[in-house]
Amino acid sequence: IDAFGGSVHDVIGTRCDPYTGNLLAGSQ
């Protein structure tokens, strides 16, 4: 765990997805 609280192989993120991209930026 680094000084920022970061580490590798996480089970906290969901996965990047097109729905959140569309919600935040109107993207496809």
mmCIF file of all heavy atoms, coordinates in Angstrom:
data_MODEL
# 
_entry.id   MODEL 
# 
loop_
_atom_site.group_PDB 
_atom_site.id 
_atom_site.type_symbol 
_atom_site.label_atom_id 
_atom_site.label_alt_id 
_atom_site.label_comp_id 
_atom_site.label_asym_id 
_atom_site.label_entity_id 
_atom_site.label_seq_id 
_atom_site.pdbx_PDB_ins_code 
_atom_site.Cartn_x 
_atom_site.Cartn_y 
_atom_site.Cartn_z 
_atom_site.occupancy 
_atom_site.B_iso_or_equiv 
_atom_site.pdbx_formal_charge 
_atom_site.auth_seq_id 
_atom_site.auth_comp_id 
_atom_site.auth_asym_id 
_atom_site.auth_atom_id 
_atom_site.pdbx_PDB_model_num 
ATOM 1   N N   . ILE A 1 1  ? 0.871   -1.186 0.000   1.00 0.00 ? 1  ILE A N   1 
ATOM 2   C CA  . ILE A 1 1  ? 0.000   0.000  0.000   1.00 0.00 ? 1  ILE A CA  1 
ATOM 3   C C   . ILE A 1 1  ? 0.898   1.224  0.000   1.00 0.00 ? 1  ILE A C   1 
ATOM 4   O O   . ILE A 1 1  ? 1.759   1.379  0.870   1.00 0.00 ? 1  ILE A O   1 
ATOM 5   C CB  . ILE A 1 1  ? -0.933  0.012  1.224   1.00 0.00 ? 1  ILE A CB  1 
ATOM 6   C CG1 . ILE A 1 1  ? -1.817  -1.241 1.232   1.00 0.00 ? 1  ILE A CG1 1 
ATOM 7   C CG2 . ILE A 1 1  ? -1.806  1.267  1.214   1.00 0.00 ? 1  ILE A CG2 1 
ATOM 8   C CD1 . ILE A 1 1  ? -2.703  -1.365 2.465   1.00 0.00 ? 1  ILE A CD1 1 
ATOM 9   N N   . ASP A 1 2  ? 0.721   2.102  -0.988  1.00 0.00 ? 2  ASP A N   1 
ATOM 10  C CA  . ASP A 1 2  ? 1.605   3.259  -1.110  1.00 0.00 ? 2  ASP A CA  1 
ATOM 11  C C   . ASP A 1 2  ? 1.133   4.430  -0.246  1.00 0.00 ? 2  ASP A C   1 
ATOM 12  O O   . ASP A 1 2  ? 0.128   4.321  0.483   1.00 0.00 ? 2  ASP A O   1 
ATOM 13  C CB  . ASP A 1 2  ? 1.781   3.661  -2.577  1.00 0.00 ? 2  ASP A CB  1 
ATOM 14  C CG  . ASP A 1 2  ? 0.495   4.127  -3.247  1.00 0.00 ? 2  ASP A CG  1 
ATOM 15  O OD1 . ASP A 1 2  ? -0.377  4.711  -2.561  1.00 0.00 ? 2  ASP A OD1 1 
ATOM 16  O OD2 . ASP A 1 2  ? 0.355   3.911  -4.475  1.00 0.00 ? 2  ASP A OD2 1 
ATOM 17  N N   . ALA A 1 3  ? 1.847   5.546  -0.326  1.00 0.00 ? 3  ALA A N   1 
ATOM 18  C CA  . ALA A 1 3  ? 1.572   6.695  0.537   1.00 0.00 ? 3  ALA A CA  1 
ATOM 19  C C   . ALA A 1 3  ? 0.218   7.333  0.259   1.00 0.00 ? 3  ALA A C   1 
ATOM 20  O O   . ALA A 1 3  ? -0.310  8.071  1.104   1.00 0.00 ? 3  ALA A O   1 
ATOM 21  C CB  . ALA A 1 3  ? 2.680   7.733  0.381   1.00 0.00 ? 3  ALA A CB  1 
ATOM 22  N N   . PHE A 1 4  ? -0.352  7.079  -0.922  1.00 0.00 ? 4  PHE A N   1 
ATOM 23  C CA  . PHE A 1 4  ? -1.665  7.625  -1.262  1.00 0.00 ? 4  PHE A CA  1 
ATOM 24  C C   . PHE A 1 4  ? -2.798  6.688  -0.848  1.00 0.00 ? 4  PHE A C   1 
ATOM 25  O O   . PHE A 1 4  ? -3.974  7.011  -1.012  1.00 0.00 ? 4  PHE A O   1 
ATOM 26  C CB  . PHE A 1 4  ? -1.751  7.884  -2.767  1.00 0.00 ? 4  PHE A CB  1 
ATOM 27  C CG  . PHE A 1 4  ? -0.725  8.841  -3.281  1.00 0.00 ? 4  PHE A CG  1 
ATOM 28  C CD1 . PHE A 1 4  ? 0.443   8.383  -3.856  1.00 0.00 ? 4  PHE A CD1 1 
ATOM 29  C CD2 . PHE A 1 4  ? -0.916  10.209 -3.172  1.00 0.00 ? 4  PHE A CD2 1 
ATOM 30  C CE1 . PHE A 1 4  ? 1.399   9.260  -4.327  1.00 0.00 ? 4  PHE A CE1 1 
ATOM 31  C CE2 . PHE A 1 4  ? 0.033   11.099 -3.639  1.00 0.00 ? 4  PHE A CE2 1 
ATOM 32  C CZ  . PHE A 1 4  ? 1.204   10.635 -4.219  1.00 0.00 ? 4  PHE A CZ  1 
ATOM 33  N N   . GLY A 1 5  ? -2.450  5.499  -0.354  1.00 0.00 ? 5  GLY A N   1 
ATOM 34  C CA  . GLY A 1 5  ? -3.449  4.484  -0.053  1.00 0.00 ? 5  GLY A CA  1 
ATOM 35  C C   . GLY A 1 5  ? -3.749  3.597  -1.238  1.00 0.00 ? 5  GLY A C   1 
ATOM 36  O O   . GLY A 1 5  ? -4.706  2.819  -1.217  1.00 0.00 ? 5  GLY A O   1 
ATOM 37  N N   . GLY A 1 6  ? -2.922  3.677  -2.291  1.00 0.00 ? 6  GLY A N   1 
ATOM 38  C CA  . GLY A 1 6  ? -3.123  2.866  -3.481  1.00 0.00 ? 6  GLY A CA  1 
ATOM 39  C C   . GLY A 1 6  ? -2.494  1.496  -3.368  1.00 0.00 ? 6  GLY A C   1 
ATOM 40  O O   . GLY A 1 6  ? -1.476  1.313  -2.700  1.00 0.00 ? 6  GLY A O   1 
ATOM 41  N N   . SER A 1 7  ? -3.093  0.533  -4.057  1.00 0.00 ? 7  SER A N   1 
ATOM 42  C CA  . SER A 1 7  ? -2.550  -0.819 -4.134  1.00 0.00 ? 7  SER A CA  1 
ATOM 43  C C   . SER A 1 7  ? -3.033  -1.433 -5.443  1.00 0.00 ? 7  SER A C   1 
ATOM 44  O O   . SER A 1 7  ? -3.767  -0.793 -6.210  1.00 0.00 ? 7  SER A O   1 
ATOM 45  C CB  . SER A 1 7  ? -2.984  -1.651 -2.923  1.00 0.00 ? 7  SER A CB  1 
ATOM 46  O OG  . SER A 1 7  ? -2.245  -2.846 -2.858  1.00 0.00 ? 7  SER A OG  1 
ATOM 47  N N   . VAL A 1 8  ? -2.609  -2.682 -5.729  1.00 0.00 ? 8  VAL A N   1 
ATOM 48  C CA  . VAL A 1 8  ? -2.935  -3.294 -7.022  1.00 0.00 ? 8  VAL A CA  1 
ATOM 49  C C   . VAL A 1 8  ? -3.891  -4.469 -6.858  1.00 0.00 ? 8  VAL A C   1 
ATOM 50  O O   . VAL A 1 8  ? -4.020  -5.043 -5.789  1.00 0.00 ? 8  VAL A O   1 
ATOM 51  C CB  . VAL A 1 8  ? -1.658  -3.753 -7.756  1.00 0.00 ? 8  VAL A CB  1 
ATOM 52  C CG1 . VAL A 1 8  ? -0.827  -2.565 -8.190  1.00 0.00 ? 8  VAL A CG1 1 
ATOM 53  C CG2 . VAL A 1 8  ? -0.832  -4.693 -6.890  1.00 0.00 ? 8  VAL A CG2 1 
ATOM 54  N N   . HIS A 1 9  ? -4.553  -4.815 -7.979  1.00 0.00 ? 9  HIS A N   1 
ATOM 55  C CA  . HIS A 1 9  ? -5.535  -5.907 -8.062  1.00 0.00 ? 9  HIS A CA  1 
ATOM 56  C C   . HIS A 1 9  ? -6.756  -5.588 -7.177  1.00 0.00 ? 9  HIS A C   1 
ATOM 57  O O   . HIS A 1 9  ? -7.015  -6.251 -6.172  1.00 0.00 ? 9  HIS A O   1 
ATOM 58  C CB  . HIS A 1 9  ? -4.941  -7.253 -7.630  1.00 0.00 ? 9  HIS A CB  1 
ATOM 59  C CG  . HIS A 1 9  ? -3.597  -7.570 -8.200  1.00 0.00 ? 9  HIS A CG  1 
ATOM 60  N ND1 . HIS A 1 9  ? -3.291  -7.427 -9.541  1.00 0.00 ? 9  HIS A ND1 1 
ATOM 61  C CD2 . HIS A 1 9  ? -2.469  -8.048 -7.609  1.00 0.00 ? 9  HIS A CD2 1 
ATOM 62  C CE1 . HIS A 1 9  ? -2.027  -7.801 -9.743  1.00 0.00 ? 9  HIS A CE1 1 
ATOM 63  N NE2 . HIS A 1 9  ? -1.518  -8.178 -8.586  1.00 0.00 ? 9  HIS A NE2 1 
ATOM 64  N N   . ASP A 1 10 ? -7.509  -4.579 -7.572  1.00 0.00 ? 10 ASP A N   1 
ATOM 65  C CA  . ASP A 1 10 ? -8.591  -4.138 -6.685  1.00 0.00 ? 10 ASP A CA  1 
ATOM 66  C C   . ASP A 1 10 ? -9.908  -4.830 -6.956  1.00 0.00 ? 10 ASP A C   1 
ATOM 67  O O   . ASP A 1 10 ? -10.196 -5.274 -8.064  1.00 0.00 ? 10 ASP A O   1 
ATOM 68  C CB  . ASP A 1 10 ? -8.743  -2.613 -6.722  1.00 0.00 ? 10 ASP A CB  1 
ATOM 69  C CG  . ASP A 1 10 ? -9.658  -2.086 -7.820  1.00 0.00 ? 10 ASP A CG  1 
ATOM 70  O OD1 . ASP A 1 10 ? -10.860 -2.385 -7.796  1.00 0.00 ? 10 ASP A OD1 1 
ATOM 71  O OD2 . ASP A 1 10 ? -9.182  -1.341 -8.692  1.00 0.00 ? 10 ASP A OD2 1 
ATOM 72  N N   . VAL A 1 11 ? -10.709 -4.903 -5.881  1.00 0.00 ? 11 VAL A N   1 
ATOM 73  C CA  . VAL A 1 11 ? -12.090 -5.372 -5.955  1.00 0.00 ? 11 VAL A CA  1 
ATOM 74  C C   . VAL A 1 11 ? -13.025 -4.265 -5.470  1.00 0.00 ? 11 VAL A C   1 
ATOM 75  O O   . VAL A 1 11 ? -14.046 -4.513 -4.842  1.00 0.00 ? 11 VAL A O   1 
ATOM 76  C CB  . VAL A 1 11 ? -12.299 -6.678 -5.150  1.00 0.00 ? 11 VAL A CB  1 
ATOM 77  C CG1 . VAL A 1 11 ? -11.692 -7.853 -5.878  1.00 0.00 ? 11 VAL A CG1 1 
ATOM 78  C CG2 . VAL A 1 11 ? -11.706 -6.581 -3.745  1.00 0.00 ? 11 VAL A CG2 1 
ATOM 79  N N   . ILE A 1 12 ? -12.652 -3.014 -5.802  1.00 0.00 ? 12 ILE A N   1 
ATOM 80  C CA  . ILE A 1 12 ? -13.496 -1.870 -5.425  1.00 0.00 ? 12 ILE A CA  1 
ATOM 81  C C   . ILE A 1 12 ? -14.078 -1.169 -6.648  1.00 0.00 ? 12 ILE A C   1 
ATOM 82  O O   . ILE A 1 12 ? -15.176 -0.621 -6.585  1.00 0.00 ? 12 ILE A O   1 
ATOM 83  C CB  . ILE A 1 12 ? -12.743 -0.853 -4.535  1.00 0.00 ? 12 ILE A CB  1 
ATOM 84  C CG1 . ILE A 1 12 ? -11.385 -0.475 -5.132  1.00 0.00 ? 12 ILE A CG1 1 
ATOM 85  C CG2 . ILE A 1 12 ? -12.554 -1.406 -3.136  1.00 0.00 ? 12 ILE A CG2 1 
ATOM 86  C CD1 . ILE A 1 12 ? -10.598 0.546  -4.321  1.00 0.00 ? 12 ILE A CD1 1 
ATOM 87  N N   . GLY A 1 13 ? -13.351 -1.178 -7.765  1.00 0.00 ? 13 GLY A N   1 
ATOM 88  C CA  . GLY A 1 13 ? -13.873 -0.548 -8.971  1.00 0.00 ? 13 GLY A CA  1 
ATOM 89  C C   . GLY A 1 13 ? -14.869 -1.448 -9.666  1.00 0.00 ? 13 GLY A C   1 
ATOM 90  O O   . GLY A 1 13 ? -14.873 -2.672 -9.491  1.00 0.00 ? 13 GLY A O   1 
ATOM 91  N N   . THR A 1 14 ? -15.713 -0.872 -10.471 1.00 0.00 ? 14 THR A N   1 
ATOM 92  C CA  . THR A 1 14 ? -16.777 -1.643 -11.104 1.00 0.00 ? 14 THR A CA  1 
ATOM 93  C C   . THR A 1 14 ? -16.379 -2.184 -12.468 1.00 0.00 ? 14 THR A C   1 
ATOM 94  O O   . THR A 1 14 ? -16.598 -3.345 -12.763 1.00 0.00 ? 14 THR A O   1 
ATOM 95  C CB  . THR A 1 14 ? -18.040 -0.789 -11.243 1.00 0.00 ? 14 THR A CB  1 
ATOM 96  O OG1 . THR A 1 14 ? -17.724 0.427  -11.933 1.00 0.00 ? 14 THR A OG1 1 
ATOM 97  C CG2 . THR A 1 14 ? -18.602 -0.453 -9.874  1.00 0.00 ? 14 THR A CG2 1 
ATOM 98  N N   . ARG A 1 15 ? -15.833 -1.424 -13.340 1.00 0.00 ? 15 ARG A N   1 
ATOM 99  C CA  . ARG A 1 15 ? -15.361 -1.642 -14.707 1.00 0.00 ? 15 ARG A CA  1 
ATOM 100 C C   . ARG A 1 15 ? -15.766 -0.397 -15.484 1.00 0.00 ? 15 ARG A C   1 
ATOM 101 O O   . ARG A 1 15 ? -16.841 0.168  -15.248 1.00 0.00 ? 15 ARG A O   1 
ATOM 102 C CB  . ARG A 1 15 ? -15.955 -2.907 -15.367 1.00 0.00 ? 15 ARG A CB  1 
ATOM 103 C CG  . ARG A 1 15 ? -17.490 -2.875 -15.541 1.00 0.00 ? 15 ARG A CG  1 
ATOM 104 C CD  . ARG A 1 15 ? -18.042 -4.258 -15.725 1.00 0.00 ? 15 ARG A CD  1 
ATOM 105 N NE  . ARG A 1 15 ? -19.493 -4.285 -15.795 1.00 0.00 ? 15 ARG A NE  1 
ATOM 106 C CZ  . ARG A 1 15 ? -20.293 -4.315 -14.734 1.00 0.00 ? 15 ARG A CZ  1 
ATOM 107 N NH1 . ARG A 1 15 ? -19.777 -4.290 -13.512 1.00 0.00 ? 15 ARG A NH1 1 
ATOM 108 N NH2 . ARG A 1 15 ? -21.609 -4.368 -14.878 1.00 0.00 ? 15 ARG A NH2 1 
ATOM 109 N N   . CYS A 1 16 ? -14.955 0.075  -16.382 1.00 0.00 ? 16 CYS A N   1 
ATOM 110 C CA  . CYS A 1 16 ? -15.369 1.224  -17.191 1.00 0.00 ? 16 CYS A CA  1 
ATOM 111 C C   . CYS A 1 16 ? -16.513 0.771  -18.094 1.00 0.00 ? 16 CYS A C   1 
ATOM 112 O O   . CYS A 1 16 ? -16.517 -0.352 -18.597 1.00 0.00 ? 16 CYS A O   1 
ATOM 113 C CB  . CYS A 1 16 ? -14.204 1.804  -17.975 1.00 0.00 ? 16 CYS A CB  1 
ATOM 114 S SG  . CYS A 1 16 ? -13.330 0.682  -19.104 1.00 0.00 ? 16 CYS A SG  1 
ATOM 115 N N   . ASP A 1 17 ? -17.491 1.645  -18.258 1.00 0.00 ? 17 ASP A N   1 
ATOM 116 C CA  . ASP A 1 17 ? -18.709 1.239  -18.963 1.00 0.00 ? 17 ASP A CA  1 
ATOM 117 C C   . ASP A 1 17 ? -19.279 2.391  -19.767 1.00 0.00 ? 17 ASP A C   1 
ATOM 118 O O   . ASP A 1 17 ? -19.017 3.562  -19.481 1.00 0.00 ? 17 ASP A O   1 
ATOM 119 C CB  . ASP A 1 17 ? -19.748 0.752  -17.946 1.00 0.00 ? 17 ASP A CB  1 
ATOM 120 C CG  . ASP A 1 17 ? -20.287 1.886  -17.097 1.00 0.00 ? 17 ASP A CG  1 
ATOM 121 O OD1 . ASP A 1 17 ? -19.663 2.215  -16.065 1.00 0.00 ? 17 ASP A OD1 1 
ATOM 122 O OD2 . ASP A 1 17 ? -21.301 2.502  -17.469 1.00 0.00 ? 17 ASP A OD2 1 
ATOM 123 N N   . PRO A 1 18 ? -20.093 2.109  -20.797 1.00 0.00 ? 18 PRO A N   1 
ATOM 124 C CA  . PRO A 1 18 ? -20.633 3.171  -21.649 1.00 0.00 ? 18 PRO A CA  1 
ATOM 125 C C   . PRO A 1 18 ? -21.750 3.962  -20.993 1.00 0.00 ? 18 PRO A C   1 
ATOM 126 O O   . PRO A 1 18 ? -22.021 5.098  -21.396 1.00 0.00 ? 18 PRO A O   1 
ATOM 127 C CB  . PRO A 1 18 ? -21.149 2.404  -22.871 1.00 0.00 ? 18 PRO A CB  1 
ATOM 128 C CG  . PRO A 1 18 ? -21.494 1.052  -22.344 1.00 0.00 ? 18 PRO A CG  1 
ATOM 129 C CD  . PRO A 1 18 ? -20.479 0.763  -21.269 1.00 0.00 ? 18 PRO A CD  1 
ATOM 130 N N   . TYR A 1 19 ? -22.391 3.404  -19.985 1.00 0.00 ? 19 TYR A N   1 
ATOM 131 C CA  . TYR A 1 19 ? -23.509 4.086  -19.356 1.00 0.00 ? 19 TYR A CA  1 
ATOM 132 C C   . TYR A 1 19 ? -23.030 5.261  -18.505 1.00 0.00 ? 19 TYR A C   1 
ATOM 133 O O   . TYR A 1 19 ? -23.606 6.357  -18.553 1.00 0.00 ? 19 TYR A O   1 
ATOM 134 C CB  . TYR A 1 19 ? -24.311 3.098  -18.509 1.00 0.00 ? 19 TYR A CB  1 
ATOM 135 C CG  . TYR A 1 19 ? -24.843 1.948  -19.329 1.00 0.00 ? 19 TYR A CG  1 
ATOM 136 C CD1 . TYR A 1 19 ? -24.210 0.708  -19.316 1.00 0.00 ? 19 TYR A CD1 1 
ATOM 137 C CD2 . TYR A 1 19 ? -25.952 2.105  -20.152 1.00 0.00 ? 19 TYR A CD2 1 
ATOM 138 C CE1 . TYR A 1 19 ? -24.674 -0.340 -20.092 1.00 0.00 ? 19 TYR A CE1 1 
ATOM 139 C CE2 . TYR A 1 19 ? -26.429 1.059  -20.929 1.00 0.00 ? 19 TYR A CE2 1 
ATOM 140 C CZ  . TYR A 1 19 ? -25.790 -0.162 -20.897 1.00 0.00 ? 19 TYR A CZ  1 
ATOM 141 O OH  . TYR A 1 19 ? -26.249 -1.193 -21.677 1.00 0.00 ? 19 TYR A OH  1 
ATOM 142 N N   . THR A 1 20 ? -21.969 5.051  -17.734 1.00 0.00 ? 20 THR A N   1 
ATOM 143 C CA  . THR A 1 20 ? -21.418 6.146  -16.940 1.00 0.00 ? 20 THR A CA  1 
ATOM 144 C C   . THR A 1 20 ? -20.809 7.197  -17.859 1.00 0.00 ? 20 THR A C   1 
ATOM 145 O O   . THR A 1 20 ? -20.931 8.402  -17.605 1.00 0.00 ? 20 THR A O   1 
ATOM 146 C CB  . THR A 1 20 ? -20.365 5.605  -15.950 1.00 0.00 ? 20 THR A CB  1 
ATOM 147 O OG1 . THR A 1 20 ? -20.957 4.592  -15.146 1.00 0.00 ? 20 THR A OG1 1 
ATOM 148 C CG2 . THR A 1 20 ? -19.862 6.717  -15.043 1.00 0.00 ? 20 THR A CG2 1 
ATOM 149 N N   . GLY A 1 21 ? -20.157 6.758  -18.941 1.00 0.00 ? 21 GLY A N   1 
ATOM 150 C CA  . GLY A 1 21 ? -19.622 7.719  -19.903 1.00 0.00 ? 21 GLY A CA  1 
ATOM 151 C C   . GLY A 1 21 ? -20.715 8.581  -20.502 1.00 0.00 ? 21 GLY A C   1 
ATOM 152 O O   . GLY A 1 21 ? -20.562 9.798  -20.647 1.00 0.00 ? 21 GLY A O   1 
ATOM 153 N N   . ASN A 1 22 ? -21.837 7.960  -20.822 1.00 0.00 ? 22 ASN A N   1 
ATOM 154 C CA  . ASN A 1 22 ? -22.957 8.722  -21.365 1.00 0.00 ? 22 ASN A CA  1 
ATOM 155 C C   . ASN A 1 22 ? -23.539 9.664  -20.320 1.00 0.00 ? 22 ASN A C   1 
ATOM 156 O O   . ASN A 1 22 ? -23.890 10.819 -20.624 1.00 0.00 ? 22 ASN A O   1 
ATOM 157 C CB  . ASN A 1 22 ? -24.028 7.759  -21.878 1.00 0.00 ? 22 ASN A CB  1 
ATOM 158 C CG  . ASN A 1 22 ? -25.188 8.483  -22.518 1.00 0.00 ? 22 ASN A CG  1 
ATOM 159 O OD1 . ASN A 1 22 ? -26.220 8.704  -21.888 1.00 0.00 ? 22 ASN A OD1 1 
ATOM 160 N ND2 . ASN A 1 22 ? -25.014 8.876  -23.772 1.00 0.00 ? 22 ASN A ND2 1 
ATOM 161 N N   . LEU A 1 23 ? -23.617 9.201  -19.066 1.00 0.00 ? 23 LEU A N   1 
ATOM 162 C CA  . LEU A 1 23 ? -24.150 10.032 -17.987 1.00 0.00 ? 23 LEU A CA  1 
ATOM 163 C C   . LEU A 1 23 ? -23.289 11.270 -17.748 1.00 0.00 ? 23 LEU A C   1 
ATOM 164 O O   . LEU A 1 23 ? -23.801 12.383 -17.602 1.00 0.00 ? 23 LEU A O   1 
ATOM 165 C CB  . LEU A 1 23 ? -24.228 9.200  -16.705 1.00 0.00 ? 23 LEU A CB  1 
ATOM 166 C CG  . LEU A 1 23 ? -24.659 9.919  -15.432 1.00 0.00 ? 23 LEU A CG  1 
ATOM 167 C CD1 . LEU A 1 23 ? -26.125 10.328 -15.526 1.00 0.00 ? 23 LEU A CD1 1 
ATOM 168 C CD2 . LEU A 1 23 ? -24.434 9.016  -14.221 1.00 0.00 ? 23 LEU A CD2 1 
ATOM 169 N N   . LEU A 1 24 ? -21.974 11.079 -17.719 1.00 0.00 ? 24 LEU A N   1 
ATOM 170 C CA  . LEU A 1 24 ? -21.071 12.169 -17.357 1.00 0.00 ? 24 LEU A CA  1 
ATOM 171 C C   . LEU A 1 24 ? -20.662 13.039 -18.539 1.00 0.00 ? 24 LEU A C   1 
ATOM 172 O O   . LEU A 1 24 ? -20.395 14.234 -18.368 1.00 0.00 ? 24 LEU A O   1 
ATOM 173 C CB  . LEU A 1 24 ? -19.814 11.605 -16.690 1.00 0.00 ? 24 LEU A CB  1 
ATOM 174 C CG  . LEU A 1 24 ? -20.024 10.858 -15.370 1.00 0.00 ? 24 LEU A CG  1 
ATOM 175 C CD1 . LEU A 1 24 ? -18.714 10.301 -14.857 1.00 0.00 ? 24 LEU A CD1 1 
ATOM 176 C CD2 . LEU A 1 24 ? -20.658 11.779 -14.323 1.00 0.00 ? 24 LEU A CD2 1 
ATOM 177 N N   . ALA A 1 25 ? -20.598 12.444 -19.737 1.00 0.00 ? 25 ALA A N   1 
ATOM 178 C CA  . ALA A 1 25 ? -20.056 13.191 -20.875 1.00 0.00 ? 25 ALA A CA  1 
ATOM 179 C C   . ALA A 1 25 ? -20.912 13.112 -22.132 1.00 0.00 ? 25 ALA A C   1 
ATOM 180 O O   . ALA A 1 25 ? -20.542 13.682 -23.163 1.00 0.00 ? 25 ALA A O   1 
ATOM 181 C CB  . ALA A 1 25 ? -18.650 12.691 -21.194 1.00 0.00 ? 25 ALA A CB  1 
ATOM 182 N N   . GLY A 1 26 ? -22.027 12.393 -22.077 1.00 0.00 ? 26 GLY A N   1 
ATOM 183 C CA  . GLY A 1 26 ? -22.876 12.274 -23.256 1.00 0.00 ? 26 GLY A CA  1 
ATOM 184 C C   . GLY A 1 26 ? -22.247 11.458 -24.369 1.00 0.00 ? 26 GLY A C   1 
ATOM 185 O O   . GLY A 1 26 ? -22.624 11.587 -25.534 1.00 0.00 ? 26 GLY A O   1 
ATOM 186 N N   . SER A 1 27 ? -21.305 10.573 -24.033 1.00 0.00 ? 27 SER A N   1 
ATOM 187 C CA  . SER A 1 27 ? -20.550 9.839  -25.047 1.00 0.00 ? 27 SER A CA  1 
ATOM 188 C C   . SER A 1 27 ? -21.252 8.539  -25.433 1.00 0.00 ? 27 SER A C   1 
ATOM 189 O O   . SER A 1 27 ? -22.157 8.064  -24.752 1.00 0.00 ? 27 SER A O   1 
ATOM 190 C CB  . SER A 1 27 ? -19.146 9.540  -24.529 1.00 0.00 ? 27 SER A CB  1 
ATOM 191 O OG  . SER A 1 27 ? -19.213 8.719  -23.376 1.00 0.00 ? 27 SER A OG  1 
ATOM 192 N N   . GLN A 1 28 ? -20.800 7.981  -26.553 1.00 0.00 ? 28 GLN A N   1 
ATOM 193 C CA  . GLN A 1 28 ? -21.237 6.655  -27.012 1.00 0.00 ? 28 GLN A CA  1 
ATOM 194 C C   . GLN A 1 28 ? -19.973 5.858  -27.316 1.00 0.00 ? 28 GLN A C   1 
ATOM 195 O O   . GLN A 1 28 ? -19.595 5.658  -28.471 1.00 0.00 ? 28 GLN A O   1 
ATOM 196 C CB  . GLN A 1 28 ? -22.117 6.782  -28.249 1.00 0.00 ? 28 GLN A CB  1 
ATOM 197 C CG  . GLN A 1 28 ? -23.453 7.452  -28.026 1.00 0.00 ? 28 GLN A CG  1 
ATOM 198 C CD  . GLN A 1 28 ? -24.433 6.561  -27.273 1.00 0.00 ? 28 GLN A CD  1 
ATOM 199 O OE1 . GLN A 1 28 ? -24.409 5.347  -27.399 1.00 0.00 ? 28 GLN A OE1 1 
ATOM 200 N NE2 . GLN A 1 28 ? -25.301 7.188  -26.490 1.00 0.00 ? 28 GLN A NE2 1 
# 
